[in-house]
PDB file of N, CA and C in Angstrom:
ATOM      1  N   UNK A   1      -2.583  29.091  30.413  1.00  0.00           N
ATOM      2  CA  UNK A   1      -3.959  28.911  30.007  1.00  0.00           C
ATOM      3  C   UNK A   1      -4.213  29.649  28.694  1.00  0.00           C
ATOM      4  N   UNK A   2      -4.642  28.945  27.692  1.00  0.00           N
ATOM      5  CA  UNK A   2      -5.056  29.542  26.421  1.00  0.00           C
ATOM      6  C   UNK A   2      -6.176  28.661  25.867  1.00  0.00           C
ATOM      7  N   UNK A   3      -7.357  29.233  25.732  1.00  0.00           N
ATOM      8  CA  UNK A   3      -8.516  28.466  25.289  1.00  0.00           C
ATOM      9  C   UNK A   3      -9.289  29.231  24.222  1.00  0.00           C
ATOM     10  N   UNK A   4     -10.040  28.477  23.427  1.00  0.00           N
ATOM     11  CA  UNK A   4     -10.938  29.052  22.423  1.00  0.00           C
ATOM     12  C   UNK A   4     -12.354  28.678  22.827  1.00  0.00           C
ATOM     13  N   UNK A   5     -13.245  29.663  22.797  1.00  0.00           N
ATOM     14  CA  UNK A   5     -14.652  29.437  23.137  1.00  0.00           C
ATOM     15  C   UNK A   5     -15.546  30.059  22.070  1.00  0.00           C
ATOM     16  N   UNK A   6     -16.714  29.440  21.840  1.00  0.00           N
ATOM     17  CA  UNK A   6     -17.738  30.013  20.965  1.00  0.00           C
ATOM     18  C   UNK A   6     -18.920  30.525  21.774  1.00  0.00           C
ATOM     19  N   UNK A   7     -19.061  30.016  22.969  1.00  0.00           N
ATOM     20  CA  UNK A   7     -20.042  30.495  23.947  1.00  0.00           C
ATOM     21  C   UNK A   7     -19.250  30.715  25.227  1.00  0.00           C
ATOM     22  N   UNK A   8     -19.454  31.838  25.851  1.00  0.00           N
ATOM     23  CA  UNK A   8     -18.648  32.161  27.035  1.00  0.00           C
ATOM     24  C   UNK A   8     -18.726  31.056  28.089  1.00  0.00           C
ATOM     25  N   UNK A   9     -17.543  30.664  28.565  1.00  0.00           N
ATOM     26  CA  UNK A   9     -17.456  29.673  29.624  1.00  0.00           C
ATOM     27  C   UNK A   9     -17.367  28.237  29.162  1.00  0.00           C
ATOM     28  N   UNK A  10     -17.513  27.978  27.850  1.00  0.00           N
ATOM     29  CA  UNK A  10     -17.473  26.606  27.338  1.00  0.00           C
ATOM     30  C   UNK A  10     -16.310  26.478  26.361  1.00  0.00           C
ATOM     31  N   UNK A  11     -15.250  25.769  26.793  1.00  0.00           N
ATOM     32  CA  UNK A  11     -14.063  25.613  25.956  1.00  0.00           C
ATOM     33  C   UNK A  11     -14.331  24.668  24.795  1.00  0.00           C
ATOM     34  N   UNK A  12     -13.825  25.049  23.620  1.00  0.00           N
ATOM     35  CA  UNK A  12     -13.923  24.187  22.444  1.00  0.00           C
ATOM     36  C   UNK A  12     -12.810  23.154  22.525  1.00  0.00           C
ATOM     37  N   UNK A  13     -13.173  21.883  22.367  1.00  0.00           N
ATOM     38  CA  UNK A  13     -12.202  20.799  22.484  1.00  0.00           C
ATOM     39  C   UNK A  13     -11.517  20.469  21.166  1.00  0.00           C
ATOM     40  N   UNK A  14     -12.162  20.765  20.045  1.00  0.00           N
ATOM     41  CA  UNK A  14     -11.589  20.458  18.737  1.00  0.00           C
ATOM     42  C   UNK A  14     -10.466  21.451  18.436  1.00  0.00           C
ATOM     43  N   UNK A  15      -9.332  20.928  18.008  1.00  0.00           N
ATOM     44  CA  UNK A  15      -8.185  21.765  17.649  1.00  0.00           C
ATOM     45  C   UNK A  15      -8.384  22.241  16.208  1.00  0.00           C
ATOM     46  N   UNK A  16      -8.302  23.560  15.973  1.00  0.00           N
ATOM     47  CA  UNK A  16      -8.574  24.076  14.624  1.00  0.00           C
ATOM     48  C   UNK A  16      -7.360  24.002  13.707  1.00  0.00           C
ATOM     49  N   UNK A  17      -7.654  24.078  12.421  1.00  0.00           N
ATOM     50  CA  UNK A  17      -6.638  24.351  11.411  1.00  0.00           C
ATOM     51  C   UNK A  17      -6.609  25.874  11.307  1.00  0.00           C
ATOM     52  N   UNK A  18      -5.452  26.486  11.456  1.00  0.00           N
ATOM     53  CA  UNK A  18      -5.344  27.942  11.436  1.00  0.00           C
ATOM     54  C   UNK A  18      -4.437  28.355  10.293  1.00  0.00           C
ATOM     55  N   UNK A  19      -4.923  29.282   9.465  1.00  0.00           N
ATOM     56  CA  UNK A  19      -4.125  29.810   8.347  1.00  0.00           C
ATOM     57  C   UNK A  19      -3.941  31.308   8.547  1.00  0.00           C
ATOM     58  N   UNK A  20      -2.693  31.739   8.420  1.00  0.00           N
ATOM     59  CA  UNK A  20      -2.363  33.149   8.635  1.00  0.00           C
ATOM     60  C   UNK A  20      -1.923  33.802   7.342  1.00  0.00           C
ATOM     61  N   UNK A  21      -2.352  35.044   7.149  1.00  0.00           N
ATOM     62  CA  UNK A  21      -1.842  35.884   6.071  1.00  0.00           C
ATOM     63  C   UNK A  21      -1.491  37.234   6.688  1.00  0.00           C
ATOM     64  N   UNK A  22      -0.478  37.886   6.101  1.00  0.00           N
ATOM     65  CA  UNK A  22      -0.059  39.195   6.600  1.00  0.00           C
ATOM     66  C   UNK A  22       0.338  40.063   5.420  1.00  0.00           C
ATOM     67  N   UNK A  23      -0.001  41.341   5.513  1.00  0.00           N
ATOM     68  CA  UNK A  23       0.343  42.258   4.433  1.00  0.00           C
ATOM     69  C   UNK A  23       1.860  42.432   4.365  1.00  0.00           C
ATOM     70  N   UNK A  24       2.349  42.851   3.220  1.00  0.00           N
ATOM     71  CA  UNK A  24       3.795  43.069   3.055  1.00  0.00           C
ATOM     72  C   UNK A  24       4.326  44.100   4.034  1.00  0.00           C
ATOM     73  N   UNK A  25       3.525  45.110   4.316  1.00  0.00           N
ATOM     74  CA  UNK A  25       3.950  46.167   5.235  1.00  0.00           C
ATOM     75  C   UNK A  25       3.930  45.700   6.688  1.00  0.00           C
ATOM     76  N   UNK A  26       3.219  44.610   6.964  1.00  0.00           N
ATOM     77  CA  UNK A  26       3.116  44.104   8.326  1.00  0.00           C
ATOM     78  C   UNK A  26       2.094  44.841   9.167  1.00  0.00           C
ATOM     79  N   UNK A  27       1.338  45.760   8.556  1.00  0.00           N
ATOM     80  CA  UNK A  27       0.375  46.558   9.309  1.00  0.00           C
ATOM     81  C   UNK A  27      -0.943  45.846   9.579  1.00  0.00           C
ATOM     82  N   UNK A  28      -1.250  44.812   8.808  1.00  0.00           N
ATOM     83  CA  UNK A  28      -2.482  44.073   9.070  1.00  0.00           C
ATOM     84  C   UNK A  28      -2.325  42.618   8.666  1.00  0.00           C
ATOM     85  N   UNK A  29      -3.247  41.805   9.148  1.00  0.00           N
ATOM     86  CA  UNK A  29      -3.193  40.383   8.861  1.00  0.00           C
ATOM     87  C   UNK A  29      -4.536  39.732   9.151  1.00  0.00           C
ATOM     88  N   UNK A  30      -4.642  38.482   8.755  1.00  0.00           N
ATOM     89  CA  UNK A  30      -5.873  37.726   8.926  1.00  0.00           C
ATOM     90  C   UNK A  30      -5.535  36.311   9.396  1.00  0.00           C
ATOM     91  N   UNK A  31      -6.309  35.823  10.341  1.00  0.00           N
ATOM     92  CA  UNK A  31      -6.205  34.431  10.777  1.00  0.00           C
ATOM     93  C   UNK A  31      -7.546  33.765  10.483  1.00  0.00           C
ATOM     94  N   UNK A  32      -7.516  32.665   9.759  1.00  0.00           N
ATOM     95  CA  UNK A  32      -8.716  31.907   9.452  1.00  0.00           C
ATOM     96  C   UNK A  32      -8.658  30.594  10.229  1.00  0.00           C
ATOM     97  N   UNK A  33      -9.651  30.384  11.082  1.00  0.00           N
ATOM     98  CA  UNK A  33      -9.744  29.177  11.901  1.00  0.00           C
ATOM     99  C   UNK A  33     -10.787  28.261  11.288  1.00  0.00           C
ATOM    100  N   UNK A  34     -10.464  26.980  11.172  1.00  0.00           N
ATOM    101  CA  UNK A  34     -11.409  26.001  10.647  1.00  0.00           C
ATOM    102  C   UNK A  34     -11.521  24.846  11.647  1.00  0.00           C
ATOM    103  N   UNK A  35     -12.715  24.639  12.182  1.00  0.00           N
ATOM    104  CA  UNK A  35     -12.981  23.595  13.166  1.00  0.00           C
ATOM    105  C   UNK A  35     -13.863  22.532  12.519  1.00  0.00           C
ATOM    106  N   UNK A  36     -13.343  21.327  12.323  1.00  0.00           N
ATOM    107  CA  UNK A  36     -14.117  20.228  11.757  1.00  0.00           C
ATOM    108  C   UNK A  36     -14.868  19.521  12.886  1.00  0.00           C
ATOM    109  N   UNK A  37     -16.178  19.412  12.783  1.00  0.00           N
ATOM    110  CA  UNK A  37     -17.042  18.775  13.794  1.00  0.00           C
ATOM    111  C   UNK A  37     -16.788  19.316  15.207  1.00  0.00           C
ATOM    112  N   UNK A  38     -16.912  20.619  15.402  1.00  0.00           N
ATOM    113  CA  UNK A  38     -16.635  21.187  16.725  1.00  0.00           C
ATOM    114  C   UNK A  38     -17.710  20.822  17.752  1.00  0.00           C
ATOM    115  N   UNK A  39     -17.306  20.837  19.004  1.00  0.00           N
ATOM    116  CA  UNK A  39     -18.218  20.565  20.117  1.00  0.00           C
ATOM    117  C   UNK A  39     -19.371  21.576  20.124  1.00  0.00           C
ATOM    118  N   UNK A  40     -19.077  22.818  19.714  1.00  0.00           N
ATOM    119  CA  UNK A  40     -20.091  23.876  19.723  1.00  0.00           C
ATOM    120  C   UNK A  40     -21.276  23.559  18.803  1.00  0.00           C
ATOM    121  N   UNK A  41     -21.071  22.690  17.803  1.00  0.00           N
ATOM    122  CA  UNK A  41     -22.158  22.321  16.886  1.00  0.00           C
ATOM    123  C   UNK A  41     -22.742  20.946  17.176  1.00  0.00           C
ATOM    124  N   UNK A  42     -22.286  20.310  18.236  1.00  0.00           N
ATOM    125  CA  UNK A  42     -22.781  18.963  18.526  1.00  0.00           C
ATOM    126  C   UNK A  42     -24.255  18.997  18.918  1.00  0.00           C
ATOM    127  N   UNK A  43     -24.893  17.842  18.798  1.00  0.00           N
ATOM    128  CA  UNK A  43     -26.313  17.738  19.144  1.00  0.00           C
ATOM    129  C   UNK A  43     -26.549  18.006  20.623  1.00  0.00           C
ATOM    130  N   UNK A  44     -25.536  17.771  21.448  1.00  0.00           N
ATOM    131  CA  UNK A  44     -25.674  17.962  22.896  1.00  0.00           C
ATOM    132  C   UNK A  44     -25.519  19.418  23.309  1.00  0.00           C
ATOM    133  N   UNK A  45     -25.021  20.257  22.421  1.00  0.00           N
ATOM    134  CA  UNK A  45     -24.779  21.659  22.761  1.00  0.00           C
ATOM    135  C   UNK A  45     -26.094  22.433  22.771  1.00  0.00           C
ATOM    136  N   UNK A  46     -26.334  23.133  23.866  1.00  0.00           N
ATOM    137  CA  UNK A  46     -27.556  23.935  23.979  1.00  0.00           C
ATOM    138  C   UNK A  46     -27.253  25.430  23.975  1.00  0.00           C
ATOM    139  N   UNK A  47     -25.973  25.779  23.918  1.00  0.00           N
ATOM    140  CA  UNK A  47     -25.568  27.185  23.964  1.00  0.00           C
ATOM    141  C   UNK A  47     -25.534  27.791  22.559  1.00  0.00           C
ATOM    142  N   UNK A  48     -25.864  29.072  22.484  1.00  0.00           N
ATOM    143  CA  UNK A  48     -25.763  29.797  21.222  1.00  0.00           C
ATOM    144  C   UNK A  48     -24.314  30.184  20.967  1.00  0.00           C
ATOM    145  N   UNK A  49     -23.925  30.172  19.706  1.00  0.00           N
ATOM    146  CA  UNK A  49     -22.594  30.640  19.317  1.00  0.00           C
ATOM    147  C   UNK A  49     -22.684  32.156  19.187  1.00  0.00           C
ATOM    148  N   UNK A  50     -21.936  32.864  20.021  1.00  0.00           N
ATOM    149  CA  UNK A  50     -22.020  34.331  20.052  1.00  0.00           C
ATOM    150  C   UNK A  50     -20.791  35.006  19.470  1.00  0.00           C
ATOM    151  N   UNK A  51     -19.817  34.222  19.029  1.00  0.00           N
ATOM    152  CA  UNK A  51     -18.567  34.747  18.475  1.00  0.00           C
ATOM    153  C   UNK A  51     -17.478  33.742  18.770  1.00  0.00           C
ATOM    154  N   UNK A  52     -16.237  34.118  18.471  1.00  0.00           N
ATOM    155  CA  UNK A  52     -15.102  33.289  18.855  1.00  0.00           C
ATOM    156  C   UNK A  52     -14.263  34.102  19.822  1.00  0.00           C
ATOM    157  N   UNK A  53     -13.980  33.497  20.974  1.00  0.00           N
ATOM    158  CA  UNK A  53     -13.238  34.160  22.041  1.00  0.00           C
ATOM    159  C   UNK A  53     -11.923  33.421  22.240  1.00  0.00           C
ATOM    160  N   UNK A  54     -10.821  34.125  22.062  1.00  0.00           N
ATOM    161  CA  UNK A  54      -9.495  33.574  22.289  1.00  0.00           C
ATOM    162  C   UNK A  54      -9.047  34.100  23.646  1.00  0.00           C
ATOM    163  N   UNK A  55      -8.948  33.234  24.635  1.00  0.00           N
ATOM    164  CA  UNK A  55      -8.750  33.663  26.018  1.00  0.00           C
ATOM    165  C   UNK A  55      -7.422  33.133  26.553  1.00  0.00           C
ATOM    166  N   UNK A  56      -6.627  34.025  27.131  1.00  0.00           N
ATOM    167  CA  UNK A  56      -5.392  33.636  27.811  1.00  0.00           C
ATOM    168  C   UNK A  56      -5.150  34.571  28.981  1.00  0.00           C
ATOM    169  N   UNK A  57      -3.972  34.489  29.596  1.00  0.00           N
ATOM    170  CA  UNK A  57      -3.720  35.289  30.795  1.00  0.00           C
ATOM    171  C   UNK A  57      -3.648  36.790  30.527  1.00  0.00           C
ATOM    172  N   UNK A  58      -3.469  37.197  29.273  1.00  0.00           N
ATOM    173  CA  UNK A  58      -3.461  38.623  28.939  1.00  0.00           C
ATOM    174  C   UNK A  58      -4.867  39.194  28.779  1.00  0.00           C
ATOM    175  N   UNK A  59      -5.850  38.332  28.631  1.00  0.00           N
ATOM    176  CA  UNK A  59      -7.219  38.798  28.409  1.00  0.00           C
ATOM    177  C   UNK A  59      -7.880  37.983  27.322  1.00  0.00           C
ATOM    178  N   UNK A  60      -8.667  38.663  26.460  1.00  0.00           N
ATOM    179  CA  UNK A  60      -9.332  37.935  25.385  1.00  0.00           C
ATOM    180  C   UNK A  60      -9.339  38.741  24.091  1.00  0.00           C
ATOM    181  N   UNK A  61      -9.310  37.989  22.997  1.00  0.00           N
ATOM    182  CA  UNK A  61      -9.465  38.534  21.654  1.00  0.00           C
ATOM    183  C   UNK A  61     -10.812  38.017  21.161  1.00  0.00           C
ATOM    184  N   UNK A  62     -11.576  38.877  20.495  1.00  0.00           N
ATOM    185  CA  UNK A  62     -12.941  38.514  20.101  1.00  0.00           C
ATOM    186  C   UNK A  62     -13.155  38.786  18.609  1.00  0.00           C
ATOM    187  N   UNK A  63     -13.853  37.876  17.960  1.00  0.00           N
ATOM    188  CA  UNK A  63     -14.343  38.119  16.611  1.00  0.00           C
ATOM    189  C   UNK A  63     -15.781  37.626  16.529  1.00  0.00           C
ATOM    190  N   UNK A  64     -16.575  38.326  15.767  1.00  0.00           N
ATOM    191  CA  UNK A  64     -17.963  37.922  15.523  1.00  0.00           C
ATOM    192  C   UNK A  64     -18.099  37.266  14.144  1.00  0.00           C
ATOM    193  N   UNK A  65     -17.000  37.195  13.408  1.00  0.00           N
ATOM    194  CA  UNK A  65     -16.992  36.620  12.055  1.00  0.00           C
ATOM    195  C   UNK A  65     -16.903  35.101  12.142  1.00  0.00           C
ATOM    196  N   UNK A  66     -18.014  34.460  12.472  1.00  0.00           N
ATOM    197  CA  UNK A  66     -18.071  33.011  12.621  1.00  0.00           C
ATOM    198  C   UNK A  66     -19.186  32.486  11.720  1.00  0.00           C
ATOM    199  N   UNK A  67     -18.842  31.491  10.889  1.00  0.00           N
ATOM    200  CA  UNK A  67     -19.822  30.907   9.966  1.00  0.00           C
ATOM    201  C   UNK A  67     -19.866  29.398  10.162  1.00  0.00           C
ATOM    202  N   UNK A  68     -21.053  28.845  10.112  1.00  0.00           N
ATOM    203  CA  UNK A  68     -21.227  27.396  10.195  1.00  0.00           C
ATOM    204  C   UNK A  68     -21.328  26.835   8.785  1.00  0.00           C
ATOM    205  N   UNK A  69     -20.746  25.665   8.590  1.00  0.00           N
ATOM    206  CA  UNK A  69     -20.834  24.941   7.317  1.00  0.00           C
ATOM    207  C   UNK A  69     -21.738  23.736   7.531  1.00  0.00           C
ATOM    208  N   UNK A  70     -22.651  23.525   6.596  1.00  0.00           N
ATOM    209  CA  UNK A  70     -23.594  22.413   6.693  1.00  0.00           C
ATOM    210  C   UNK A  70     -23.435  21.496   5.496  1.00  0.00           C
ATOM    211  N   UNK A  71     -23.572  20.191   5.727  1.00  0.00           N
ATOM    212  CA  UNK A  71     -23.573  19.195   4.655  1.00  0.00           C
ATOM    213  C   UNK A  71     -24.830  18.359   4.836  1.00  0.00           C
ATOM    214  N   UNK A  72     -25.664  18.331   3.798  1.00  0.00           N
ATOM    215  CA  UNK A  72     -26.945  17.613   3.850  1.00  0.00           C
ATOM    216  C   UNK A  72     -27.783  18.030   5.053  1.00  0.00           C
ATOM    217  N   UNK A  73     -27.774  19.324   5.358  1.00  0.00           N
ATOM    218  CA  UNK A  73     -28.589  19.853   6.433  1.00  0.00           C
ATOM    219  C   UNK A  73     -28.048  19.632   7.830  1.00  0.00           C
ATOM    220  N   UNK A  74     -26.886  19.003   7.940  1.00  0.00           N
ATOM    221  CA  UNK A  74     -26.282  18.749   9.246  1.00  0.00           C
ATOM    222  C   UNK A  74     -25.059  19.642   9.445  1.00  0.00           C
ATOM    223  N   UNK A  75     -24.886  20.192  10.654  1.00  0.00           N
ATOM    224  CA  UNK A  75     -23.703  21.029  10.903  1.00  0.00           C
ATOM    225  C   UNK A  75     -22.435  20.196  10.805  1.00  0.00           C
ATOM    226  N   UNK A  76     -21.444  20.721  10.081  1.00  0.00           N
ATOM    227  CA  UNK A  76     -20.219  19.973   9.819  1.00  0.00           C
ATOM    228  C   UNK A  76     -18.972  20.688  10.341  1.00  0.00           C
ATOM    229  N   UNK A  77     -18.951  22.023  10.247  1.00  0.00           N
ATOM    230  CA  UNK A  77     -17.733  22.747  10.606  1.00  0.00           C
ATOM    231  C   UNK A  77     -18.051  24.192  10.948  1.00  0.00           C
ATOM    232  N   UNK A  78     -17.104  24.825  11.619  1.00  0.00           N
ATOM    233  CA  UNK A  78     -17.158  26.263  11.887  1.00  0.00           C
ATOM    234  C   UNK A  78     -15.927  26.909  11.296  1.00  0.00           C
ATOM    235  N   UNK A  79     -16.132  28.067  10.694  1.00  0.00           N
ATOM    236  CA  UNK A  79     -15.021  28.850  10.166  1.00  0.00           C
ATOM    237  C   UNK A  79     -15.096  30.237  10.789  1.00  0.00           C
ATOM    238  N   UNK A  80     -13.992  30.677  11.370  1.00  0.00           N
ATOM    239  CA  UNK A  80     -13.952  31.982  12.024  1.00  0.00           C
ATOM    240  C   UNK A  80     -12.800  32.789  11.453  1.00  0.00           C
ATOM    241  N   UNK A  81     -13.042  34.079  11.291  1.00  0.00           N
ATOM    242  CA  UNK A  81     -12.049  34.986  10.733  1.00  0.00           C
ATOM    243  C   UNK A  81     -11.686  36.027  11.789  1.00  0.00           C
ATOM    244  N   UNK A  82     -10.396  36.119  12.100  1.00  0.00           N
ATOM    245  CA  UNK A  82      -9.916  37.132  13.041  1.00  0.00           C
ATOM    246  C   UNK A  82      -9.010  38.086  12.269  1.00  0.00           C
ATOM    247  N   UNK A  83      -9.373  39.363  12.268  1.00  0.00           N
ATOM    248  CA  UNK A  83      -8.638  40.371  11.490  1.00  0.00           C
ATOM    249  C   UNK A  83      -7.810  41.238  12.430  1.00  0.00           C
ATOM    250  N   UNK A  84      -6.539  41.406  12.081  1.00  0.00           N
ATOM    251  CA  UNK A  84      -5.616  42.239  12.855  1.00  0.00           C
ATOM    252  C   UNK A  84      -5.286  43.482  12.036  1.00  0.00           C
ATOM    253  N   UNK A  85      -5.489  44.650  12.619  1.00  0.00           N
ATOM    254  CA  UNK A  85      -5.344  45.899  11.875  1.00  0.00           C
ATOM    255  C   UNK A  85      -4.112  46.709  12.253  1.00  0.00           C
ATOM    256  N   UNK A  86      -3.240  46.129  13.073  1.00  0.00           N
ATOM    257  CA  UNK A  86      -2.002  46.830  13.429  1.00  0.00           C
ATOM    258  C   UNK A  86      -0.941  45.801  13.795  1.00  0.00           C
ATOM    259  N   UNK A  87       0.287  46.240  13.854  1.00  0.00           N
ATOM    260  CA  UNK A  87       1.371  45.354  14.241  1.00  0.00           C
ATOM    261  C   UNK A  87       1.214  44.897  15.690  1.00  0.00           C
ATOM    262  N   UNK A  88       0.668  45.774  16.547  1.00  0.00           N
ATOM    263  CA  UNK A  88       0.442  45.416  17.945  1.00  0.00           C
ATOM    264  C   UNK A  88      -0.599  44.301  18.058  1.00  0.00           C
ATOM    265  N   UNK A  89      -1.684  44.398  17.256  1.00  0.00           N
ATOM    266  CA  UNK A  89      -2.701  43.350  17.269  1.00  0.00           C
ATOM    267  C   UNK A  89      -2.118  42.034  16.765  1.00  0.00           C
ATOM    268  N   UNK A  90      -1.259  42.096  15.742  1.00  0.00           N
ATOM    269  CA  UNK A  90      -0.597  40.892  15.221  1.00  0.00           C
ATOM    270  C   UNK A  90       0.259  40.248  16.313  1.00  0.00           C
ATOM    271  N   UNK A  91       1.063  41.074  16.998  1.00  0.00           N
ATOM    272  CA  UNK A  91       1.936  40.562  18.053  1.00  0.00           C
ATOM    273  C   UNK A  91       1.128  39.928  19.183  1.00  0.00           C
ATOM    274  N   UNK A  92       0.041  40.573  19.564  1.00  0.00           N
ATOM    275  CA  UNK A  92      -0.825  40.043  20.625  1.00  0.00           C
ATOM    276  C   UNK A  92      -1.415  38.704  20.207  1.00  0.00           C
ATOM    277  N   UNK A  93      -1.899  38.606  18.965  1.00  0.00           N
ATOM    278  CA  UNK A  93      -2.457  37.364  18.457  1.00  0.00           C
ATOM    279  C   UNK A  93      -1.398  36.258  18.462  1.00  0.00           C
ATOM    280  N   UNK A  94      -0.188  36.581  18.041  1.00  0.00           N
ATOM    281  CA  UNK A  94       0.874  35.580  17.990  1.00  0.00           C
ATOM    282  C   UNK A  94       1.251  35.091  19.390  1.00  0.00           C
ATOM    283  N   UNK A  95       1.186  35.967  20.382  1.00  0.00           N
ATOM    284  CA  UNK A  95       1.437  35.527  21.759  1.00  0.00           C
ATOM    285  C   UNK A  95       0.367  34.531  22.202  1.00  0.00           C
ATOM    286  N   UNK A  96      -0.909  34.828  21.858  1.00  0.00           N
ATOM    287  CA  UNK A  96      -1.980  33.877  22.176  1.00  0.00           C
ATOM    288  C   UNK A  96      -1.720  32.538  21.487  1.00  0.00           C
ATOM    289  N   UNK A  97      -1.404  32.575  20.197  1.00  0.00           N
ATOM    290  CA  UNK A  97      -1.210  31.333  19.442  1.00  0.00           C
ATOM    291  C   UNK A  97      -0.035  30.528  19.984  1.00  0.00           C
ATOM    292  N   UNK A  98       1.010  31.199  20.432  1.00  0.00           N
ATOM    293  CA  UNK A  98       2.154  30.498  21.024  1.00  0.00           C
ATOM    294  C   UNK A  98       1.709  29.733  22.279  1.00  0.00           C
ATOM    295  N   UNK A  99       0.935  30.390  23.116  1.00  0.00           N
ATOM    296  CA  UNK A  99       0.431  29.738  24.330  1.00  0.00           C
ATOM    297  C   UNK A  99      -0.503  28.573  23.979  1.00  0.00           C
ATOM    298  N   UNK A 100      -1.398  28.812  23.011  1.00  0.00           N
ATOM    299  CA  UNK A 100      -2.355  27.781  22.609  1.00  0.00           C
ATOM    300  C   UNK A 100      -1.609  26.575  22.032  1.00  0.00           C
ATOM    301  N   UNK A 101      -0.614  26.833  21.204  1.00  0.00           N
ATOM    302  CA  UNK A 101       0.168  25.757  20.584  1.00  0.00           C
ATOM    303  C   UNK A 101       0.911  24.939  21.635  1.00  0.00           C
ATOM    304  N   UNK A 102       1.496  25.605  22.619  1.00  0.00           N
ATOM    305  CA  UNK A 102       2.223  24.888  23.669  1.00  0.00           C
ATOM    306  C   UNK A 102       1.286  24.000  24.484  1.00  0.00           C
ATOM    307  N   UNK A 103       0.102  24.488  24.789  1.00  0.00           N
ATOM    308  CA  UNK A 103      -0.844  23.714  25.604  1.00  0.00           C
ATOM    309  C   UNK A 103      -1.436  22.523  24.844  1.00  0.00           C
ATOM    310  N   UNK A 104      -1.544  22.639  23.525  1.00  0.00           N
ATOM    311  CA  UNK A 104      -2.208  21.608  22.741  1.00  0.00           C
ATOM    312  C   UNK A 104      -1.244  20.859  21.824  1.00  0.00           C
ATOM    313  N   UNK A 105       0.066  20.980  22.073  1.00  0.00           N
ATOM    314  CA  UNK A 105       1.098  20.276  21.304  1.00  0.00           C
ATOM    315  C   UNK A 105       0.955  20.476  19.792  1.00  0.00           C
ATOM    316  N   UNK A 106       0.849  21.738  19.385  1.00  0.00           N
ATOM    317  CA  UNK A 106       0.726  22.062  17.968  1.00  0.00           C
ATOM    318  C   UNK A 106       2.057  22.566  17.431  1.00  0.00           C
ATOM    319  N   UNK A 107       2.193  22.539  16.107  1.00  0.00           N
ATOM    320  CA  UNK A 107       3.389  23.055  15.460  1.00  0.00           C
ATOM    321  C   UNK A 107       3.020  23.995  14.344  1.00  0.00           C
ATOM    322  N   UNK A 108       4.027  24.611  13.761  1.00  0.00           N
ATOM    323  CA  UNK A 108       3.843  25.563  12.664  1.00  0.00           C
ATOM    324  C   UNK A 108       4.430  24.986  11.400  1.00  0.00           C
ATOM    325  N   UNK A 109       3.676  25.043  10.305  1.00  0.00           N
ATOM    326  CA  UNK A 109       4.224  24.636   9.004  1.00  0.00           C
ATOM    327  C   UNK A 109       3.979  25.779   8.025  1.00  0.00           C
ATOM    328  N   UNK A 110       4.924  25.949   7.116  1.00  0.00           N
ATOM    329  CA  UNK A 110       4.837  27.063   6.183  1.00  0.00           C
ATOM    330  C   UNK A 110       4.366  26.604   4.820  1.00  0.00           C
TER     331      UNK A 110
END
């Protein structure tokens, strides 16, 4: 089980584009998630976006760095930034992404 949520208890169905950067020392890194037309912004959604929650069997990773993109006044996309400040946080994030990728048939490109 590996899911992404913007409101607790409601899984996001849209698969994000994820871009990773890591410092040369490996001590910190950043993951940028981009969701085009996510369920969380649909007209049917009544829940508030309270952050991005990455949930798996180890627990959850949380970021509050979530921004909505609008085109002509209509919600179009969500962009979330997850910052890792240690090698342990990087490793934990990568374990989540491995599980998420396996469940959603995703691959890695460099």
